[in-house]
């Protein structure tokens, strides 16, 4: 299954650039634009300049822009709030300081959804020192097109120095920060300079924690509630009380928590913080937290669902349905040197000492989690489905091929009608699920019918010499990956690299070039589509 991306695509129109592209300027951009505090109706755009000036954002729903907002002060640290926006809407924007346009073109941003629309976020930590490892992970994060990101602490090595925020954070993640909203949490390295004051100065985070310092906070996005905790404050009873009250107050169906020092991780390296565990685990279990993201250990690990120190639902494999505990992940492979892992731990489901990021797709009552290497390979994955169901006995199941797919019909025994079924397809129950609504009557009892539509990509023209259009239909919003390979199975080009696309008809085009933009030779190629837990392949004939 592809690395699902949300149906609202992040389309970067033109890259932001440092000042000086074809013009003279008295104001120079010294910190690239970044986005903060996304809501359905507002967002904050921040940047930094070398000399004090008034900052301005030109924005609109088209590249012609047409609306402007300003910070209203003369400063080098600019933060302009865009308000009165529409939910789940794409806006184009350009930043200006004084009379100087600081970006060469227009960038795009998206507001948060106001309803439970699918979305994607990434989680990673222990970022590194702007070396090749950090840049490789950053490039993969950018390619995943997240709506938002959780940065799990130790953002700035070695000690959270103010001078390192631009070269070691804002520059490596520049392509994604200008169109996606990231929410860092403080790590132990981040507080070594002035107790983390440079961290607080550089980032624009919610200030709704008990102390109002932005070191711990919470926010909503779509159908999820996120809570960021300062793992350095293990003796802060007020913080624990705030966490419990915050989780008790939310009505969001998904609850995600993140902090730096781990409560549960593979025993390698730093081990676990037992004080955090003693104070936070009862809160997480009592208030239905689904996933906890941690850093500190420079590797990846995933626990079984854990409740009160005990692994539960271990027989469910990697497809959990209403798990009875919290799943804890460590995603500390953001770029800093890796740690070794311990092979023996009864609470650990999987562990890998690799650079990586974690991508999470929230789609209705399901969450799909994938751990991704810098080269795009998925090395661990699992899903969670949350639902309240009443079993119904199914009889008379049939599946008949039709022109557009497989027509599945069934009926239930007795007289009552079920509201929803889950149709499983694939080689196992973990492949995919699709809710199917009630559909009339069939002789012998309440009856149901569902057309499981084909997803096979159809090429036009075939054969082709310059460009082939691949059309496919999705019966539901699905995680999609579309690749072109040669007859040996070697990947030639990735056309869709990890998006959740909405249901309906879609097209992708292949121009006969490889990943580096080089024309490939005439011959037979194959387009492979992975969507909704299924794989379909079609032949392509390229004739130069």
Protein backbone atom coordinates (compact mmCIF):
# COMPACT_ATOMS: atom_id res chain seq x y z
CA UNK A 1 0.00 0.00 0.00
CA UNK A 2 1.33 3.36 -0.98
CA UNK A 3 2.36 6.02 1.39
CA UNK A 4 -1.02 7.56 1.46
CA UNK A 5 -1.25 11.33 1.00
CA UNK A 6 -4.31 13.37 1.75
CA UNK A 7 -6.86 14.14 -0.92
CA UNK A 8 -6.12 17.86 -0.61
CA UNK A 9 -2.86 17.92 -2.56
CA UNK A 10 -0.08 20.33 -1.70
CA UNK A 11 0.89 21.80 -5.05
CA UNK A 12 4.04 23.89 -4.90
CA UNK A 13 3.75 26.35 -7.73
CA UNK A 14 7.13 28.08 -7.67
CA UNK A 15 10.01 27.59 -5.28
CA UNK A 16 10.74 30.28 -2.78
CA UNK A 17 14.16 31.77 -3.22
CA UNK A 18 16.47 34.03 -1.37
CA UNK A 19 16.28 37.69 -2.23
CA UNK A 20 18.27 38.97 -5.14
CA UNK A 21 16.80 37.06 -8.10
CA UNK A 22 16.95 39.60 -10.88
CA UNK A 23 16.48 42.71 -8.70
CA UNK A 24 18.29 45.01 -6.33
CA UNK A 25 17.13 45.08 -2.71
CA UNK A 26 17.96 46.68 0.60
CA UNK A 27 16.24 43.85 2.52
CA UNK A 28 17.51 40.27 2.31
CA UNK A 29 15.71 37.12 3.36
CA UNK A 30 17.83 35.35 5.98
CA UNK A 31 15.33 32.72 7.18
CA UNK A 32 13.01 31.07 4.72
CA UNK A 33 9.22 31.24 5.09
CA UNK A 34 7.50 28.75 7.37
CA UNK A 35 3.87 28.14 8.33
CA UNK A 36 2.43 27.91 11.85
CA UNK A 37 -0.81 27.45 13.80
CA UNK A 38 -3.02 26.22 10.97
CA UNK A 39 -6.76 26.35 11.63
CA UNK A 40 -9.72 26.10 9.25
CA UNK A 41 -9.85 29.88 9.08
CA UNK A 42 -6.33 31.19 9.69
CA UNK A 43 -2.61 30.48 9.43
CA UNK A 44 0.61 32.26 10.40
CA UNK A 45 3.45 32.94 7.94
CA UNK A 46 6.89 33.66 9.46
CA UNK A 47 10.30 34.61 8.06
CA UNK A 48 13.41 36.56 8.97
CA UNK A 49 15.30 39.43 7.29
CA UNK A 50 18.73 40.95 7.74
CA UNK A 51 17.46 44.47 8.47
CA UNK A 52 14.35 45.66 10.24
CA UNK A 53 11.34 46.35 8.02
CA UNK A 54 7.59 45.91 7.90
CA UNK A 55 6.56 42.44 6.74
CA UNK A 56 3.72 41.82 4.36
CA UNK A 57 2.08 38.72 2.84
CA UNK A 58 0.28 38.97 -0.50
CA UNK A 59 -2.15 36.09 -0.88
CA UNK A 60 -5.26 34.84 -2.62
CA UNK A 61 -6.99 31.80 -4.07
CA UNK A 62 -5.29 32.34 -7.45
CA UNK A 63 -1.67 33.13 -8.35
CA UNK A 64 -2.71 36.73 -8.99
CA UNK A 65 -3.11 37.03 -5.19
CA UNK A 66 -5.10 40.23 -4.52
CA UNK A 67 -5.20 40.37 -0.70
CA UNK A 68 -2.53 41.49 1.72
CA UNK A 69 -1.80 41.23 5.44
CA UNK A 70 0.98 42.87 7.43
CA UNK A 71 2.65 42.45 10.80
CA UNK A 72 2.37 46.21 11.38
CA UNK A 73 5.76 46.59 13.08
CA UNK A 74 9.34 47.17 12.02
CA UNK A 75 11.35 44.06 12.86
CA UNK A 76 13.69 41.40 11.50
CA UNK A 77 11.51 38.54 12.81
CA UNK A 78 8.30 38.63 10.82
CA UNK A 79 5.09 36.77 11.66
CA UNK A 80 1.97 37.68 9.72
CA UNK A 81 -1.40 36.12 10.49
CA UNK A 82 -3.74 35.42 7.57
CA UNK A 83 -7.32 35.44 8.86
CA UNK A 84 -10.80 35.11 7.42
CA UNK A 85 -9.75 32.14 5.30
CA UNK A 86 -11.87 29.20 4.17
CA UNK A 87 -11.41 25.67 5.54
CA UNK A 88 -9.46 23.05 3.56
CA UNK A 89 -8.64 25.67 0.94
CA UNK A 90 -5.50 26.26 -1.10
CA UNK A 91 -4.07 29.77 -1.07
CA UNK A 92 -1.18 31.21 -3.04
CA UNK A 93 1.15 33.62 -1.27
CA UNK A 94 4.27 35.74 -1.61
CA UNK A 95 6.21 37.50 1.16
CA UNK A 96 7.31 41.12 1.08
CA UNK A 97 9.33 43.26 3.51
CA UNK A 98 9.07 47.00 3.09
CA UNK A 99 9.09 47.57 -0.66
CA UNK A 100 11.13 44.46 -1.43
CA UNK A 101 9.62 41.22 -2.73
CA UNK A 102 11.57 38.45 -0.99
CA UNK A 103 10.40 35.36 -2.83
CA UNK A 104 10.87 34.83 -6.55
CA UNK A 105 7.42 33.40 -7.24
CA UNK A 106 4.35 32.29 -5.36
CA UNK A 107 4.10 29.44 -2.87
CA UNK A 108 0.99 27.60 -1.74
CA UNK A 109 -0.51 26.73 1.62
CA UNK A 110 -3.62 24.89 2.78
CA UNK A 111 -5.87 25.70 5.68
CA UNK A 112 -6.93 22.92 8.03
CA UNK A 113 -10.19 21.08 7.35
CA UNK A 114 -13.24 21.87 9.45
CA UNK A 115 -14.60 18.34 9.07
CA UNK A 116 -13.11 14.84 9.42
CA UNK A 117 -11.43 14.93 6.01
CA UNK A 118 -8.46 12.58 5.43
CA UNK A 119 -5.07 14.06 6.18
CA UNK A 120 -1.46 13.02 6.60
CA UNK A 121 1.17 13.92 9.14
CA UNK A 122 4.77 12.89 9.63
CA UNK A 123 6.69 12.34 12.88
CA UNK A 124 10.46 12.40 13.31
CA UNK A 125 13.06 13.62 15.78
CA UNK A 126 16.74 13.90 16.67
CA UNK A 127 17.34 15.81 13.50
CA UNK A 128 21.09 16.12 13.14
CA UNK A 129 23.67 18.71 12.18
CA UNK A 130 22.64 19.57 8.60
CA UNK A 131 24.67 16.68 7.20
CA UNK A 132 23.79 14.28 4.38
CA UNK A 133 21.76 12.02 6.68
CA UNK A 134 19.50 14.84 7.84
CA UNK A 135 19.05 16.16 4.31
CA UNK A 136 18.14 12.67 3.04
CA UNK A 137 15.40 12.30 5.65
CA UNK A 138 14.24 15.87 4.99
CA UNK A 139 13.93 15.16 1.26
CA UNK A 140 11.80 12.09 1.97
CA UNK A 141 9.57 14.11 4.33
CA UNK A 142 9.08 16.67 1.58
CA UNK A 143 8.16 13.95 -0.94
CA UNK A 144 5.47 12.59 1.38
CA UNK A 145 3.46 15.83 1.09
CA UNK A 146 2.33 15.97 4.72
CA UNK A 147 -0.34 18.34 5.95
CA UNK A 148 1.56 18.75 9.19
CA UNK A 149 4.60 17.43 11.00
CA UNK A 150 5.45 16.48 14.57
CA UNK A 151 9.11 17.16 15.40
CA UNK A 152 9.94 14.98 18.39
CA UNK A 153 12.67 17.00 20.06
CA UNK A 154 16.43 17.45 19.86
CA UNK A 155 15.71 19.70 16.95
CA UNK A 156 18.97 21.66 17.24
CA UNK A 157 22.27 20.01 18.05
CA UNK A 158 24.36 20.29 20.06
CA UNK A 159 22.60 22.53 22.54
CA UNK A 160 19.73 24.49 21.01
CA UNK A 161 21.97 27.43 20.07
CA UNK A 162 20.16 30.35 18.43
CA UNK A 163 22.72 30.53 15.60
CA UNK A 164 21.96 26.94 14.53
CA UNK A 165 18.21 27.20 13.96
CA UNK A 166 18.48 28.52 10.41
CA UNK A 167 21.24 26.19 9.09
CA UNK A 168 20.08 23.09 10.98
CA UNK A 169 16.28 23.41 10.83
CA UNK A 170 14.83 26.09 8.58
CA UNK A 171 17.23 25.37 5.70
CA UNK A 172 17.13 21.51 5.58
CA UNK A 173 13.31 21.46 5.80
CA UNK A 174 12.78 24.61 3.71
CA UNK A 175 10.83 22.95 0.84
CA UNK A 176 8.18 21.45 3.14
CA UNK A 177 8.03 24.18 5.79
CA UNK A 178 6.79 26.75 3.29
CA UNK A 179 3.67 24.70 2.52
CA UNK A 180 3.09 22.46 5.58
CA UNK A 181 2.68 23.29 9.26
CA UNK A 182 5.15 21.70 11.69
CA UNK A 183 4.84 21.48 15.48
CA UNK A 184 8.17 20.83 17.27
CA UNK A 185 8.42 19.75 20.89
CA UNK A 186 11.42 20.48 23.07
CA UNK A 187 14.10 17.82 23.67
CA UNK A 188 16.92 17.56 26.17
CA UNK A 189 19.48 19.09 23.77
CA UNK A 190 17.14 21.97 22.97
CA UNK A 191 17.16 23.30 26.54
CA UNK A 192 20.95 23.44 26.97
CA UNK A 193 21.03 27.08 25.83
CA UNK A 194 19.18 29.48 28.14
CA UNK A 195 16.76 26.72 29.18
CA UNK A 196 15.37 26.52 25.64
CA UNK A 197 14.73 30.22 25.05
CA UNK A 198 16.12 30.13 21.46
CA UNK A 199 13.64 27.28 20.77
CA UNK A 200 10.76 29.45 22.02
CA UNK A 201 12.02 32.45 20.05
CA UNK A 202 12.37 30.59 16.75
CA UNK A 203 9.04 28.74 16.71
CA UNK A 204 5.45 29.98 16.82
CA UNK A 205 3.53 27.32 18.75
CA UNK A 206 0.26 27.19 20.69
CA UNK A 207 0.55 28.65 24.17
CA UNK A 208 -2.39 26.86 25.78
CA UNK A 209 -0.36 24.83 28.28
CA UNK A 210 -0.54 25.51 31.99
CA UNK A 211 2.56 27.72 31.99
CA UNK A 212 1.86 29.39 28.63
CA UNK A 213 5.47 28.99 27.46
CA UNK A 214 4.84 26.82 24.36
CA UNK A 215 6.96 23.99 25.82
CA UNK A 216 3.82 21.87 26.09
CA UNK A 217 0.56 22.53 24.29
CA UNK A 218 -2.25 20.97 22.28
CA UNK A 219 -4.09 21.58 19.01
CA UNK A 220 -6.76 20.06 16.78
CA UNK A 221 -6.48 19.12 13.13
CA UNK A 222 -9.40 17.51 11.30
CA UNK A 223 -10.63 14.53 13.29
CA UNK A 224 -7.59 14.41 15.59
CA UNK A 225 -6.42 16.03 18.81
CA UNK A 226 -2.66 16.39 19.34
CA UNK A 227 -0.91 16.90 22.68
CA UNK A 228 2.76 17.93 22.91
CA UNK A 229 4.46 17.31 26.28
CA UNK A 230 7.77 18.57 27.63
CA UNK A 231 9.56 15.37 28.62
CA UNK A 232 12.20 17.35 30.47
CA UNK A 233 9.68 18.35 33.16
CA UNK A 234 9.24 14.95 34.77
CA UNK A 235 8.50 16.47 38.20
CA UNK A 236 5.91 18.97 36.96
CA UNK A 237 2.63 17.87 38.57
CA UNK A 238 0.81 20.85 37.05
CA UNK A 239 1.77 19.68 33.56
CA UNK A 240 0.41 16.18 34.20
CA UNK A 241 -2.81 17.68 35.54
CA UNK A 242 -3.11 19.85 32.44
CA UNK A 243 -2.55 16.85 30.13
CA UNK A 244 -5.34 14.92 31.84
CA UNK A 245 -7.75 17.83 31.67
CA UNK A 246 -6.89 18.54 28.07
CA UNK A 247 -7.47 14.95 26.95
CA UNK A 248 -10.69 14.73 28.96
CA UNK A 249 -12.03 17.87 27.26
CA UNK A 250 -11.55 16.85 23.63
CA UNK A 251 -14.31 15.21 21.62
CA UNK A 252 -12.07 14.31 18.68
CA UNK A 253 -12.15 10.58 17.85
CA UNK A 254 -8.36 10.31 17.38
CA UNK A 255 -5.91 11.27 20.12
CA UNK A 256 -2.16 11.50 19.44
CA UNK A 257 0.48 12.47 22.01
CA UNK A 258 4.17 13.22 21.44
CA UNK A 259 7.24 14.12 23.48
CA UNK A 260 10.98 13.50 23.42
CA UNK A 261 12.08 11.10 26.18
CA UNK A 262 10.40 7.70 25.69
CA UNK A 263 8.13 5.90 28.13
CA UNK A 264 8.20 2.71 26.11
CA UNK A 265 10.90 1.92 23.58
CA UNK A 266 13.32 -0.80 22.66
CA UNK A 267 15.72 -1.19 25.63
CA UNK A 268 18.72 -0.13 23.54
CA UNK A 269 20.53 3.17 24.24
CA UNK A 270 18.73 5.50 26.70
CA UNK A 271 16.01 3.08 27.78
CA UNK A 272 12.72 4.34 29.20
CA UNK A 273 11.75 7.19 31.50
CA UNK A 274 9.90 5.47 34.32
CA UNK A 275 8.76 8.74 35.92
CA UNK A 276 6.98 9.79 32.75
CA UNK A 277 5.51 6.30 32.49
CA UNK A 278 4.16 6.31 36.05
CA UNK A 279 2.50 9.70 35.62
CA UNK A 280 1.29 9.55 32.03
CA UNK A 281 0.31 5.95 31.30
CA UNK A 282 -2.84 5.97 33.47
CA UNK A 283 -3.91 9.22 31.80
CA UNK A 284 -3.34 7.83 28.30
CA UNK A 285 -5.23 4.60 29.00
CA UNK A 286 -8.13 6.29 30.78
CA UNK A 287 -8.66 8.87 28.04
CA UNK A 288 -8.25 6.64 24.99
CA UNK A 289 -4.96 7.85 23.52
CA UNK A 290 -4.30 5.96 20.31
CA UNK A 291 -0.64 6.60 19.47
CA UNK A 292 2.31 8.08 21.33
CA UNK A 293 5.31 9.38 19.35
CA UNK A 294 8.71 9.68 21.05
CA UNK A 295 12.33 10.45 20.17
CA UNK A 296 15.61 10.50 22.17
CA UNK A 297 16.70 7.02 21.04
CA UNK A 298 18.17 7.28 17.57
CA UNK A 299 16.33 4.38 15.98
CA UNK A 300 12.79 3.22 15.19
CA UNK A 301 10.73 1.05 17.49
CA UNK A 302 7.06 0.15 17.76
CA UNK A 303 5.41 -1.45 20.75
CA UNK A 304 2.48 -3.77 20.92
CA UNK A 305 -0.65 -2.08 22.28
CA UNK A 306 0.17 -1.59 25.97
CA UNK A 307 -2.22 -1.15 28.87
CA UNK A 308 -0.83 -0.74 32.38
CA UNK A 309 2.55 -2.16 31.46
CA UNK A 310 1.21 -5.25 29.70
CA UNK A 311 1.18 -5.98 25.97
CA UNK A 312 -2.35 -6.69 24.72
CA UNK A 313 -3.88 -7.71 21.39
CA UNK A 314 -0.60 -9.31 20.35
CA UNK A 315 -2.44 -11.76 18.07
CA UNK A 316 -3.84 -9.00 15.86
CA UNK A 317 -0.59 -8.72 13.93
CA UNK A 318 -0.27 -5.33 12.26
CA UNK A 319 -3.96 -4.66 11.66
CA UNK A 320 -5.59 -3.57 14.91
CA UNK A 321 -9.34 -3.31 15.38
CA UNK A 322 -10.22 -1.39 18.55
CA UNK A 323 -6.93 -2.25 20.30
CA UNK A 324 -7.09 -2.44 24.07
CA UNK A 325 -3.97 -0.38 24.68
CA UNK A 326 -1.76 2.45 23.49
CA UNK A 327 0.87 1.93 20.76
CA UNK A 328 4.18 3.68 21.44
CA UNK A 329 6.56 4.57 18.63
CA UNK A 330 10.10 5.92 18.74
CA UNK A 331 11.00 7.86 15.58
CA UNK A 332 14.46 9.14 16.47
CA UNK A 333 16.10 8.46 13.12
CA UNK A 334 15.85 12.00 11.79
CA UNK A 335 19.56 12.34 11.00
CA UNK A 336 21.71 12.21 14.13
CA UNK A 337 24.03 9.19 14.54
CA UNK A 338 22.13 5.94 15.06
CA UNK A 339 22.00 3.81 18.22
CA UNK A 340 21.97 0.05 18.49
CA UNK A 341 18.85 -1.90 19.44
CA UNK A 342 18.23 -4.79 21.79
CA UNK A 343 16.88 -7.98 20.18
CA UNK A 344 14.97 -9.17 23.25
CA UNK A 345 12.02 -7.15 24.52
CA UNK A 346 8.54 -8.63 25.10
CA UNK A 347 6.80 -5.25 24.63
CA UNK A 348 8.47 -4.36 21.31
CA UNK A 349 6.68 -5.38 18.10
CA UNK A 350 9.45 -4.16 15.76
CA UNK A 351 12.71 -2.21 15.97
CA UNK A 352 15.21 -1.01 13.36
CA UNK A 353 18.35 1.08 13.65
CA UNK A 354 17.82 3.18 10.50
CA UNK A 355 17.33 6.76 9.45
CA UNK A 356 13.65 7.28 8.78
CA UNK A 357 10.45 9.23 9.18
CA UNK A 358 6.98 7.98 10.11
CA UNK A 359 3.99 8.84 7.92
CA UNK A 360 0.48 8.62 9.38
CA UNK A 361 -2.68 8.82 7.28
CA UNK A 362 -5.90 9.52 9.14
CA UNK A 363 -8.83 8.37 7.02
CA UNK A 364 -12.22 8.25 8.73
CA UNK A 365 -12.27 5.52 11.36
CA UNK A 366 -8.86 4.18 10.32
CA UNK A 367 -5.26 5.23 10.73
CA UNK A 368 -2.48 3.89 8.52
CA UNK A 369 1.08 4.17 9.82
CA UNK A 370 4.20 3.56 7.75
CA UNK A 371 7.86 3.90 8.68
CA UNK A 372 9.84 5.06 5.67
CA UNK A 373 13.52 4.98 4.78
CA UNK A 374 15.14 7.95 3.01
CA UNK A 375 14.96 6.04 -0.30
CA UNK A 376 11.17 5.65 0.04
CA UNK A 377 11.01 2.00 1.08
CA UNK A 378 8.50 1.14 3.81
CA UNK A 379 10.16 -1.05 6.45
CA UNK A 380 7.31 -1.24 8.97
CA UNK A 381 3.59 -0.57 8.78
CA UNK A 382 0.40 -1.12 10.71
CA UNK A 383 -3.16 0.17 10.89
CA UNK A 384 -5.79 0.89 13.52
CA UNK A 385 -9.53 0.76 12.96
CA UNK A 386 -11.91 2.17 15.55
CA UNK A 387 -15.56 1.21 15.34
CA UNK A 388 -18.53 0.12 17.38
CA UNK A 389 -20.14 -2.84 15.65
CA UNK A 390 -22.85 -5.40 16.26
CA UNK A 391 -22.26 -8.72 14.57
CA UNK A 392 -24.73 -9.89 11.94
CA UNK A 393 -24.79 -13.39 10.46
CA UNK A 394 -24.18 -13.24 6.70
CA UNK A 395 -25.63 -15.76 4.27
CA UNK A 396 -25.86 -16.14 0.49
CA UNK A 397 -22.57 -14.39 -0.37
CA UNK A 398 -21.75 -14.19 -4.08
CA UNK A 399 -19.17 -12.34 -6.16
CA UNK A 400 -19.77 -11.94 -9.92
CA UNK A 401 -17.40 -10.16 -12.37
CA UNK A 402 -18.90 -7.19 -14.22
CA UNK A 403 -17.44 -4.75 -16.72
CA UNK A 404 -16.50 -2.20 -14.04
CA UNK A 405 -15.45 -4.58 -11.28
CA UNK A 406 -16.75 -7.33 -9.00
CA UNK A 407 -20.39 -7.23 -7.90
CA UNK A 408 -20.69 -8.62 -4.37
CA UNK A 409 -24.14 -9.58 -3.06
CA UNK A 410 -25.13 -11.01 0.31
CA UNK A 411 -27.99 -11.15 2.76
CA UNK A 412 -28.33 -11.46 6.50
CA UNK A 413 -30.36 -13.94 8.44
CA UNK A 414 -33.29 -12.64 10.45
CA UNK A 415 -35.30 -9.51 9.81
CA UNK A 416 -33.09 -6.68 11.01
CA UNK A 417 -31.07 -4.54 8.64
CA UNK A 418 -27.44 -3.74 9.37
CA UNK A 419 -26.37 -0.14 8.85
CA UNK A 420 -22.78 -0.85 7.76
CA UNK A 421 -20.66 -3.79 6.69
CA UNK A 422 -16.91 -3.91 6.23
CA UNK A 423 -15.91 -5.55 3.00
CA UNK A 424 -12.44 -7.07 3.23
CA UNK A 425 -10.52 -7.79 0.07
CA UNK A 426 -6.99 -8.97 -0.52
CA UNK A 427 -4.89 -11.86 0.63
CA UNK A 428 -5.64 -11.14 4.29
CA UNK A 429 -8.00 -9.11 6.45
CA UNK A 430 -5.29 -6.52 6.94
CA UNK A 431 -5.26 -5.56 3.26
CA UNK A 432 -8.09 -3.01 3.23
CA UNK A 433 -11.60 -2.33 4.43
CA UNK A 434 -14.51 -0.55 2.82
CA UNK A 435 -17.74 0.44 4.58
CA UNK A 436 -20.79 -0.61 2.58
CA UNK A 437 -24.21 0.87 3.30
CA UNK A 438 -27.55 -0.96 3.33
CA UNK A 439 -28.93 -1.57 -0.13
CA UNK A 440 -32.51 -2.87 -0.36
CA UNK A 441 -33.86 -6.42 -0.10
CA UNK A 442 -33.01 -9.80 -1.58
CA UNK A 443 -35.37 -12.76 -1.26
CA UNK A 444 -34.75 -14.57 2.00
CA UNK A 445 -33.94 -11.55 4.18
CA UNK A 446 -32.39 -8.08 4.18
CA UNK A 447 -30.05 -7.88 1.19
CA UNK A 448 -26.99 -5.90 0.23
CA UNK A 449 -25.05 -5.23 -2.94
CA UNK A 450 -21.68 -3.57 -3.59
CA UNK A 451 -19.63 -3.02 -6.73
CA UNK A 452 -15.93 -3.34 -5.97
CA UNK A 453 -14.67 -1.25 -8.87
CA UNK A 454 -11.54 -1.96 -10.83
CA UNK A 455 -8.50 0.16 -10.11
CA UNK A 456 -6.40 -1.10 -13.02
CA UNK A 457 -4.71 1.77 -14.86
CA UNK A 458 -5.61 2.02 -18.53
CA UNK A 459 -2.96 3.61 -20.83
CA UNK A 460 -3.81 5.95 -23.71
CA UNK A 461 -2.43 5.87 -26.32
CA UNK A 462 -0.89 2.40 -26.47
CA UNK A 463 1.68 2.18 -27.92
CA UNK A 464 2.93 5.75 -27.43
CA UNK A 465 5.96 7.76 -28.48
CA UNK A 466 5.94 10.90 -26.30
CA UNK A 467 3.45 10.63 -23.46
CA UNK A 468 1.04 8.04 -22.10
CA UNK A 469 -1.97 8.94 -19.97
CA UNK A 470 -2.84 6.39 -17.31
CA UNK A 471 -6.46 6.55 -16.16
CA UNK A 472 -7.81 4.74 -13.13
CA UNK A 473 -10.87 4.83 -10.89
CA UNK A 474 -10.94 4.64 -7.11
CA UNK A 475 -14.13 3.44 -5.40
CA UNK A 476 -13.11 5.24 -2.21
CA UNK A 477 -10.45 7.57 -0.88
CA UNK A 478 -7.29 5.47 -0.96
CA UNK A 479 -3.58 5.57 -0.45
CA UNK A 480 -2.12 5.46 -3.97
CA UNK A 481 1.28 4.64 -5.39
CA UNK A 482 1.83 4.48 -9.17
CA UNK A 483 5.20 3.44 -10.57
CA UNK A 484 6.65 2.52 -13.95
CA UNK A 485 9.15 -0.35 -14.16
CA UNK A 486 11.00 -2.16 -16.92
CA UNK A 487 10.70 -5.84 -17.81
CA UNK A 488 13.29 -6.77 -15.16
CA UNK A 489 11.18 -5.16 -12.44
CA UNK A 490 13.58 -2.23 -11.93
CA UNK A 491 11.73 0.97 -11.11
CA UNK A 492 12.07 3.57 -13.84
CA UNK A 493 9.80 6.35 -12.59
CA UNK A 494 7.52 7.06 -9.64
CA UNK A 495 4.43 8.89 -10.89
CA UNK A 496 2.41 9.03 -7.66
CA UNK A 497 4.68 8.76 -4.67
CA UNK A 498 2.31 8.58 -1.74
CA UNK A 499 -0.98 10.43 -1.84
CA UNK A 500 -4.43 9.70 -0.48
CA UNK A 501 -6.67 10.46 -3.44
CA UNK A 502 -10.45 10.85 -3.25
CA UNK A 503 -12.86 8.43 -4.86
CA UNK A 504 -13.55 8.87 -8.56
CA UNK A 505 -11.60 8.99 -11.80
CA UNK A 506 -7.94 10.00 -11.90
CA UNK A 507 -5.20 10.43 -14.48
CA UNK A 508 -1.42 10.38 -14.40
CA UNK A 509 1.00 10.93 -17.26
CA UNK A 510 4.34 9.36 -18.11
CA UNK A 511 6.55 11.23 -20.53
CA UNK A 512 8.89 8.32 -21.24
CA UNK A 513 11.61 9.64 -18.90
CA UNK A 514 13.26 8.18 -15.82
CA UNK A 515 13.65 9.72 -12.35
CA UNK A 516 16.53 11.90 -13.57
CA UNK A 517 14.63 13.25 -16.56
CA UNK A 518 16.46 11.10 -19.13
CA UNK A 519 14.56 9.59 -22.05
CA UNK A 520 14.35 5.82 -21.75
CA UNK A 521 14.72 3.42 -24.65
CA UNK A 522 11.86 1.99 -26.68
CA UNK A 523 10.45 -1.20 -25.26
CA UNK A 524 7.87 -2.76 -22.97
CA UNK A 525 7.29 -1.24 -19.52
CA UNK A 526 4.75 -1.86 -16.79
CA UNK A 527 2.69 0.59 -14.75
CA UNK A 528 1.93 -0.76 -11.27
CA UNK A 529 -0.86 0.81 -9.24
CA UNK A 530 -1.20 0.16 -5.50
CA UNK A 531 -4.45 1.46 -4.05
CA UNK A 532 -6.69 0.47 -1.19
CA UNK A 533 -4.65 -2.62 -0.37
CA UNK A 534 -4.72 -3.97 -3.93
CA UNK A 535 -2.18 -4.05 -6.73
CA UNK A 536 -2.94 -3.79 -10.44
CA UNK A 537 -0.51 -3.77 -13.35
CA UNK A 538 -0.82 -2.85 -16.99
CA UNK A 539 1.56 -3.03 -19.96
CA UNK A 540 2.99 0.04 -21.68
CA UNK A 541 4.61 -0.02 -25.12
CA UNK A 542 7.02 2.84 -25.84
CA UNK A 543 7.98 3.31 -29.50
CA UNK A 544 10.38 6.16 -30.27
